[in-house]
C-alpha atoms as a PDB file:
ATOM      1  CA  UNK A   1      99.764 -50.838  13.216  1.00  0.00           C
ATOM      2  CA  UNK A   2      98.726 -47.206  13.415  1.00  0.00           C
ATOM      3  CA  UNK A   3      97.599 -45.902  16.802  1.00  0.00           C
ATOM      4  CA  UNK A   4      94.302 -44.072  17.259  1.00  0.00           C
ATOM      5  CA  UNK A   5      96.176 -40.806  17.821  1.00  0.00           C
ATOM      6  CA  UNK A   6      98.168 -41.334  14.607  1.00  0.00           C
ATOM      7  CA  UNK A   7      94.923 -42.095  12.779  1.00  0.00           C
ATOM      8  CA  UNK A   8      93.441 -38.863  14.069  1.00  0.00           C
ATOM      9  CA  UNK A   9      96.547 -37.064  12.832  1.00  0.00           C
ATOM     10  CA  UNK A  10      96.020 -38.479   9.328  1.00  0.00           C
ATOM     11  CA  UNK A  11      92.318 -37.591   9.156  1.00  0.00           C
ATOM     12  CA  UNK A  12      92.946 -34.038  10.327  1.00  0.00           C
ATOM     13  CA  UNK A  13      95.810 -33.802   7.840  1.00  0.00           C
ATOM     14  CA  UNK A  14      93.541 -34.977   5.014  1.00  0.00           C
ATOM     15  CA  UNK A  15      90.933 -32.308   5.786  1.00  0.00           C
ATOM     16  CA  UNK A  16      93.532 -29.557   6.271  1.00  0.00           C
ATOM     17  CA  UNK A  17      95.289 -30.547   3.043  1.00  0.00           C
ATOM     18  CA  UNK A  18      92.090 -30.375   0.991  1.00  0.00           C
ATOM     19  CA  UNK A  19      91.043 -27.108   2.607  1.00  0.00           C
ATOM     20  CA  UNK A  20      94.379 -25.486   1.760  1.00  0.00           C
ATOM     21  CA  UNK A  21      94.398 -26.884  -1.763  1.00  0.00           C
ATOM     22  CA  UNK A  22      90.864 -25.699  -2.540  1.00  0.00           C
ATOM     23  CA  UNK A  23      91.594 -22.269  -1.081  1.00  0.00           C
ATOM     24  CA  UNK A  24      94.993 -21.581  -2.642  1.00  0.00           C
ATOM     25  CA  UNK A  25      95.926 -24.423  -4.981  1.00  0.00           C
ATOM     26  CA  UNK A  26      98.887 -25.210  -2.730  1.00  0.00           C
ATOM     27  CA  UNK A  27      99.766 -28.806  -1.870  1.00  0.00           C
ATOM     28  CA  UNK A  28     100.727 -29.213   1.776  1.00  0.00           C
ATOM     29  CA  UNK A  29     104.049 -30.645   2.897  1.00  0.00           C
ATOM     30  CA  UNK A  30     104.239 -33.227   5.690  1.00  0.00           C
ATOM     31  CA  UNK A  31     104.032 -31.377   9.029  1.00  0.00           C
ATOM     32  CA  UNK A  32     107.206 -31.203  11.080  1.00  0.00           C
ATOM     33  CA  UNK A  33     105.467 -32.967  13.967  1.00  0.00           C
ATOM     34  CA  UNK A  34     104.560 -36.003  11.840  1.00  0.00           C
ATOM     35  CA  UNK A  35     105.171 -39.165  13.921  1.00  0.00           C
ATOM     36  CA  UNK A  36     108.010 -41.310  12.612  1.00  0.00           C
ATOM     37  CA  UNK A  37     105.624 -44.242  12.111  1.00  0.00           C
ATOM     38  CA  UNK A  38     103.703 -42.206   9.533  1.00  0.00           C
ATOM     39  CA  UNK A  39     106.885 -41.587   7.562  1.00  0.00           C
ATOM     40  CA  UNK A  40     107.123 -45.298   6.788  1.00  0.00           C
ATOM     41  CA  UNK A  41     105.762 -46.577   3.476  1.00  0.00           C
ATOM     42  CA  UNK A  42     102.179 -47.841   3.445  1.00  0.00           C
ATOM     43  CA  UNK A  43      99.152 -48.167   1.217  1.00  0.00           C
ATOM     44  CA  UNK A  44      96.321 -45.758   2.003  1.00  0.00           C
ATOM     45  CA  UNK A  45      92.961 -44.573   0.689  1.00  0.00           C
ATOM     46  CA  UNK A  46      91.187 -41.317   1.495  1.00  0.00           C
ATOM     47  CA  UNK A  47      87.391 -41.340   1.243  1.00  0.00           C
ATOM     48  CA  UNK A  48      85.210 -38.234   1.294  1.00  0.00           C
ATOM     49  CA  UNK A  49      81.485 -38.615   1.914  1.00  0.00           C
ATOM     50  CA  UNK A  50      78.632 -36.122   1.872  1.00  0.00           C
ATOM     51  CA  UNK A  51      77.066 -35.512   5.272  1.00  0.00           C
ATOM     52  CA  UNK A  52      73.590 -34.339   6.188  1.00  0.00           C
ATOM     53  CA  UNK A  53      73.116 -35.453   9.762  1.00  0.00           C
ATOM     54  CA  UNK A  54      74.583 -38.767   8.603  1.00  0.00           C
ATOM     55  CA  UNK A  55      76.530 -40.130   5.683  1.00  0.00           C
ATOM     56  CA  UNK A  56      74.483 -39.915   2.526  1.00  0.00           C
ATOM     57  CA  UNK A  57      76.761 -40.530  -0.416  1.00  0.00           C
ATOM     58  CA  UNK A  58      80.285 -40.908  -1.725  1.00  0.00           C
ATOM     59  CA  UNK A  59      82.000 -37.689  -2.827  1.00  0.00           C
ATOM     60  CA  UNK A  60      85.410 -39.093  -3.750  1.00  0.00           C
ATOM     61  CA  UNK A  61      87.772 -41.965  -2.988  1.00  0.00           C
ATOM     62  CA  UNK A  62      91.344 -42.314  -4.244  1.00  0.00           C
ATOM     63  CA  UNK A  63      94.431 -44.015  -2.855  1.00  0.00           C
ATOM     64  CA  UNK A  64      97.439 -46.242  -3.167  1.00  0.00           C
ATOM     65  CA  UNK A  65      96.981 -50.019  -2.732  1.00  0.00           C
ATOM     66  CA  UNK A  66     100.727 -50.647  -2.434  1.00  0.00           C
ATOM     67  CA  UNK A  67     103.286 -49.164  -0.008  1.00  0.00           C
ATOM     68  CA  UNK A  68     105.238 -47.108  -2.547  1.00  0.00           C
ATOM     69  CA  UNK A  69     105.387 -43.827  -0.578  1.00  0.00           C
ATOM     70  CA  UNK A  70     105.631 -42.694   3.058  1.00  0.00           C
ATOM     71  CA  UNK A  71     102.165 -42.890   4.601  1.00  0.00           C
ATOM     72  CA  UNK A  72     101.985 -39.161   5.369  1.00  0.00           C
ATOM     73  CA  UNK A  73     102.881 -38.212   1.785  1.00  0.00           C
ATOM     74  CA  UNK A  74     100.488 -40.761   0.285  1.00  0.00           C
ATOM     75  CA  UNK A  75      97.711 -39.413   2.514  1.00  0.00           C
ATOM     76  CA  UNK A  76      98.291 -35.838   1.337  1.00  0.00           C
ATOM     77  CA  UNK A  77      98.265 -36.854  -2.324  1.00  0.00           C
ATOM     78  CA  UNK A  78      95.260 -39.160  -1.916  1.00  0.00           C
ATOM     79  CA  UNK A  79      93.255 -36.476  -0.109  1.00  0.00           C
ATOM     80  CA  UNK A  80      93.762 -33.971  -2.915  1.00  0.00           C
ATOM     81  CA  UNK A  81      93.007 -36.609  -5.531  1.00  0.00           C
ATOM     82  CA  UNK A  82      89.830 -37.762  -3.750  1.00  0.00           C
ATOM     83  CA  UNK A  83      88.604 -34.156  -3.631  1.00  0.00           C
ATOM     84  CA  UNK A  84      89.554 -33.040  -7.127  1.00  0.00           C
ATOM     85  CA  UNK A  85      90.607 -35.936  -9.365  1.00  0.00           C
ATOM     86  CA  UNK A  86      88.112 -38.755  -8.855  1.00  0.00           C
ATOM     87  CA  UNK A  87      86.760 -39.202 -12.411  1.00  0.00           C
ATOM     88  CA  UNK A  88      83.320 -40.139 -11.078  1.00  0.00           C
ATOM     89  CA  UNK A  89      82.704 -36.666  -9.649  1.00  0.00           C
ATOM     90  CA  UNK A  90      83.226 -33.009 -10.387  1.00  0.00           C
ATOM     91  CA  UNK A  91      86.054 -31.421  -8.356  1.00  0.00           C
ATOM     92  CA  UNK A  92      84.991 -30.285  -4.892  1.00  0.00           C
ATOM     93  CA  UNK A  93      84.569 -26.627  -4.057  1.00  0.00           C
ATOM     94  CA  UNK A  94      85.578 -24.978  -0.807  1.00  0.00           C
ATOM     95  CA  UNK A  95      81.942 -24.377   0.174  1.00  0.00           C
ATOM     96  CA  UNK A  96      81.383 -28.150   0.393  1.00  0.00           C
ATOM     97  CA  UNK A  97      83.908 -28.691   3.192  1.00  0.00           C
ATOM     98  CA  UNK A  98      81.450 -28.101   6.084  1.00  0.00           C
ATOM     99  CA  UNK A  99      79.175 -30.774   4.601  1.00  0.00           C
ATOM    100  CA  UNK A 100      81.559 -33.697   4.084  1.00  0.00           C
ATOM    101  CA  UNK A 101      83.376 -36.168   6.322  1.00  0.00           C
ATOM    102  CA  UNK A 102      86.879 -37.508   5.766  1.00  0.00           C
ATOM    103  CA  UNK A 103      87.947 -41.114   6.205  1.00  0.00           C
ATOM    104  CA  UNK A 104      91.473 -42.553   5.988  1.00  0.00           C
ATOM    105  CA  UNK A 105      92.063 -46.286   5.472  1.00  0.00           C
ATOM    106  CA  UNK A 106      95.587 -47.540   6.190  1.00  0.00           C
ATOM    107  CA  UNK A 107      96.163 -50.742   4.232  1.00  0.00           C
ATOM    108  CA  UNK A 108      98.251 -53.853   4.707  1.00  0.00           C
ATOM    109  CA  UNK A 109     100.035 -55.022   1.523  1.00  0.00           C
ATOM    110  CA  UNK A 110      97.729 -57.160  -0.675  1.00  0.00           C
ATOM    111  CA  UNK A 111      98.423 -60.894  -0.415  1.00  0.00           C
ATOM    112  CA  UNK A 112      97.634 -63.341  -3.224  1.00  0.00           C
ATOM    113  CA  UNK A 113      94.764 -65.633  -2.245  1.00  0.00           C
ATOM    114  CA  UNK A 114      95.470 -69.255  -3.120  1.00  0.00           C
ATOM    115  CA  UNK A 115      92.656 -71.744  -3.624  1.00  0.00           C
ATOM    116  CA  UNK A 116      92.597 -75.263  -5.045  1.00  0.00           C
ATOM    117  CA  UNK A 117      89.667 -74.134  -7.209  1.00  0.00           C
ATOM    118  CA  UNK A 118      87.982 -70.765  -7.763  1.00  0.00           C
ATOM    119  CA  UNK A 119      84.725 -71.953  -6.187  1.00  0.00           C
ATOM    120  CA  UNK A 120      86.541 -71.966  -2.842  1.00  0.00           C
ATOM    121  CA  UNK A 121      87.297 -68.223  -2.848  1.00  0.00           C
ATOM    122  CA  UNK A 122      84.153 -67.210  -0.875  1.00  0.00           C
ATOM    123  CA  UNK A 123      85.225 -69.570   1.911  1.00  0.00           C
ATOM    124  CA  UNK A 124      88.670 -67.969   2.125  1.00  0.00           C
ATOM    125  CA  UNK A 125      87.575 -64.355   2.490  1.00  0.00           C
ATOM    126  CA  UNK A 126      85.539 -62.724   5.225  1.00  0.00           C
ATOM    127  CA  UNK A 127      83.299 -59.678   5.029  1.00  0.00           C
ATOM    128  CA  UNK A 128      84.222 -57.139   7.763  1.00  0.00           C
ATOM    129  CA  UNK A 129      87.847 -58.290   7.658  1.00  0.00           C
ATOM    130  CA  UNK A 130      89.123 -58.377   4.093  1.00  0.00           C
ATOM    131  CA  UNK A 131      89.432 -55.894   1.293  1.00  0.00           C
ATOM    132  CA  UNK A 132      89.749 -57.306  -2.225  1.00  0.00           C
ATOM    133  CA  UNK A 133      91.788 -56.730  -5.355  1.00  0.00           C
ATOM    134  CA  UNK A 134      90.758 -58.528  -8.548  1.00  0.00           C
ATOM    135  CA  UNK A 135      93.269 -58.639 -11.383  1.00  0.00           C
ATOM    136  CA  UNK A 136      93.297 -60.040 -14.902  1.00  0.00           C
ATOM    137  CA  UNK A 137      95.785 -58.625 -17.378  1.00  0.00           C
ATOM    138  CA  UNK A 138      95.375 -54.860 -17.492  1.00  0.00           C
ATOM    139  CA  UNK A 139      92.082 -55.051 -15.588  1.00  0.00           C
ATOM    140  CA  UNK A 140      92.316 -54.358 -11.863  1.00  0.00           C
ATOM    141  CA  UNK A 141      89.703 -53.413  -9.298  1.00  0.00           C
ATOM    142  CA  UNK A 142      89.881 -52.739  -5.550  1.00  0.00           C
ATOM    143  CA  UNK A 143      87.193 -52.523  -2.893  1.00  0.00           C
ATOM    144  CA  UNK A 144      87.935 -51.527   0.700  1.00  0.00           C
ATOM    145  CA  UNK A 145      86.859 -53.809   3.595  1.00  0.00           C
ATOM    146  CA  UNK A 146      84.131 -51.419   4.732  1.00  0.00           C
ATOM    147  CA  UNK A 147      82.325 -51.443   1.367  1.00  0.00           C
ATOM    148  CA  UNK A 148      80.532 -54.833   1.650  1.00  0.00           C
ATOM    149  CA  UNK A 149      79.434 -53.944   5.181  1.00  0.00           C
ATOM    150  CA  UNK A 150      77.828 -50.730   3.969  1.00  0.00           C
ATOM    151  CA  UNK A 151      76.023 -52.517   1.127  1.00  0.00           C
ATOM    152  CA  UNK A 152      75.125 -55.728   2.949  1.00  0.00           C
ATOM    153  CA  UNK A 153      77.020 -58.024   0.561  1.00  0.00           C
ATOM    154  CA  UNK A 154      78.012 -61.608   1.262  1.00  0.00           C
ATOM    155  CA  UNK A 155      81.403 -62.949   0.163  1.00  0.00           C
ATOM    156  CA  UNK A 156      80.268 -64.106  -3.302  1.00  0.00           C
ATOM    157  CA  UNK A 157      78.623 -60.761  -4.030  1.00  0.00           C
ATOM    158  CA  UNK A 158      81.744 -58.981  -2.800  1.00  0.00           C
ATOM    159  CA  UNK A 159      83.836 -60.940  -5.312  1.00  0.00           C
ATOM    160  CA  UNK A 160      81.399 -60.189  -8.122  1.00  0.00           C
ATOM    161  CA  UNK A 161      81.255 -56.486  -7.322  1.00  0.00           C
ATOM    162  CA  UNK A 162      85.050 -56.289  -7.249  1.00  0.00           C
ATOM    163  CA  UNK A 163      85.176 -57.958 -10.669  1.00  0.00           C
ATOM    164  CA  UNK A 164      82.821 -55.305 -12.028  1.00  0.00           C
ATOM    165  CA  UNK A 165      84.972 -52.602 -10.417  1.00  0.00           C
ATOM    166  CA  UNK A 166      87.832 -54.039 -12.495  1.00  0.00           C
ATOM    167  CA  UNK A 167      85.726 -53.766 -15.653  1.00  0.00           C
ATOM    168  CA  UNK A 168      85.185 -57.527 -15.832  1.00  0.00           C
ATOM    169  CA  UNK A 169      81.998 -59.627 -15.918  1.00  0.00           C
ATOM    170  CA  UNK A 170      80.707 -60.347 -12.389  1.00  0.00           C
ATOM    171  CA  UNK A 171      81.469 -64.069 -12.558  1.00  0.00           C
ATOM    172  CA  UNK A 172      85.092 -63.548 -13.638  1.00  0.00           C
ATOM    173  CA  UNK A 173      86.358 -64.601 -10.198  1.00  0.00           C
ATOM    174  CA  UNK A 174      85.501 -68.163 -11.261  1.00  0.00           C
ATOM    175  CA  UNK A 175      88.073 -68.004 -14.075  1.00  0.00           C
ATOM    176  CA  UNK A 176      91.450 -69.643 -13.541  1.00  0.00           C
ATOM    177  CA  UNK A 177      93.338 -66.678 -15.034  1.00  0.00           C
ATOM    178  CA  UNK A 178      91.936 -64.163 -12.523  1.00  0.00           C
ATOM    179  CA  UNK A 179      94.049 -63.332  -9.474  1.00  0.00           C
ATOM    180  CA  UNK A 180      92.405 -62.464  -6.161  1.00  0.00           C
ATOM    181  CA  UNK A 181      94.284 -60.541  -3.471  1.00  0.00           C
ATOM    182  CA  UNK A 182      93.150 -59.723   0.054  1.00  0.00           C
ATOM    183  CA  UNK A 183      94.233 -57.031   2.485  1.00  0.00           C
ATOM    184  CA  UNK A 184      93.040 -55.541   5.744  1.00  0.00           C
ATOM    185  CA  UNK A 185      92.729 -51.932   6.852  1.00  0.00           C
ATOM    186  CA  UNK A 186      92.581 -49.668   9.852  1.00  0.00           C
ATOM    187  CA  UNK A 187      89.840 -47.151   9.143  1.00  0.00           C
ATOM    188  CA  UNK A 188      89.759 -43.742  10.830  1.00  0.00           C
ATOM    189  CA  UNK A 189      86.891 -41.362  10.120  1.00  0.00           C
ATOM    190  CA  UNK A 190      85.175 -38.207  11.308  1.00  0.00           C
ATOM    191  CA  UNK A 191      81.879 -38.868  13.073  1.00  0.00           C
ATOM    192  CA  UNK A 192      80.684 -35.583  11.552  1.00  0.00           C
ATOM    193  CA  UNK A 193      82.418 -32.753   9.667  1.00  0.00           C
ATOM    194  CA  UNK A 194      85.395 -31.580  11.774  1.00  0.00           C
ATOM    195  CA  UNK A 195      84.052 -33.764  14.593  1.00  0.00           C
ATOM    196  CA  UNK A 196      85.348 -36.623  16.720  1.00  0.00           C
ATOM    197  CA  UNK A 197      87.530 -39.115  14.857  1.00  0.00           C
ATOM    198  CA  UNK A 198      86.739 -42.786  15.395  1.00  0.00           C
ATOM    199  CA  UNK A 199      88.537 -45.991  14.443  1.00  0.00           C
ATOM    200  CA  UNK A 200      87.032 -49.021  12.753  1.00  0.00           C
ATOM    201  CA  UNK A 201      89.560 -51.863  12.636  1.00  0.00           C
ATOM    202  CA  UNK A 202      88.640 -54.270   9.865  1.00  0.00           C
ATOM    203  CA  UNK A 203      90.569 -57.184  11.322  1.00  0.00           C
ATOM    204  CA  UNK A 204      94.002 -58.630  10.685  1.00  0.00           C
ATOM    205  CA  UNK A 205      95.331 -61.639   8.812  1.00  0.00           C
END
């Protein structure tokens, strides 16, 4: 588990990293005062959203589902990627920084969801607790736990949307050859640009 203070550290690091990269093209190194907990490997996603008195639209979201790198390093790389390498958006410019909020989601490792039949999957997941990964062959899609809350989806819709994120038909979760994974996340985000950083815990297994 990441503490609130450590979460604040990561969000501030994400903003500072992007600011430095957009200004000079330099990728930040982990700060010397990085807590030891944040040097342990963990999955993480950095989300950037436009802000106009409230959140009004996604600006970029990139991350690592699996704990391959130290959390602090993965956060730095994900922040730069969310700002400049998300294929859905043009790269951010420095002038946008006062009008976006940063969010860091620290992930638990995905766990394979086992069901006696695919129809049971909606009963085994819970909106506001679980994130999803859908996988079939080379197709893979991930949605963070906060996404269905923001869109008002139920569990079946969440599964269908994750299938489409993977480039699959929406009812693919009913196929026996599709694998469903769940994970949880601690979500830390700015209340406003450069403002107070709040935590939204999405639950634990």
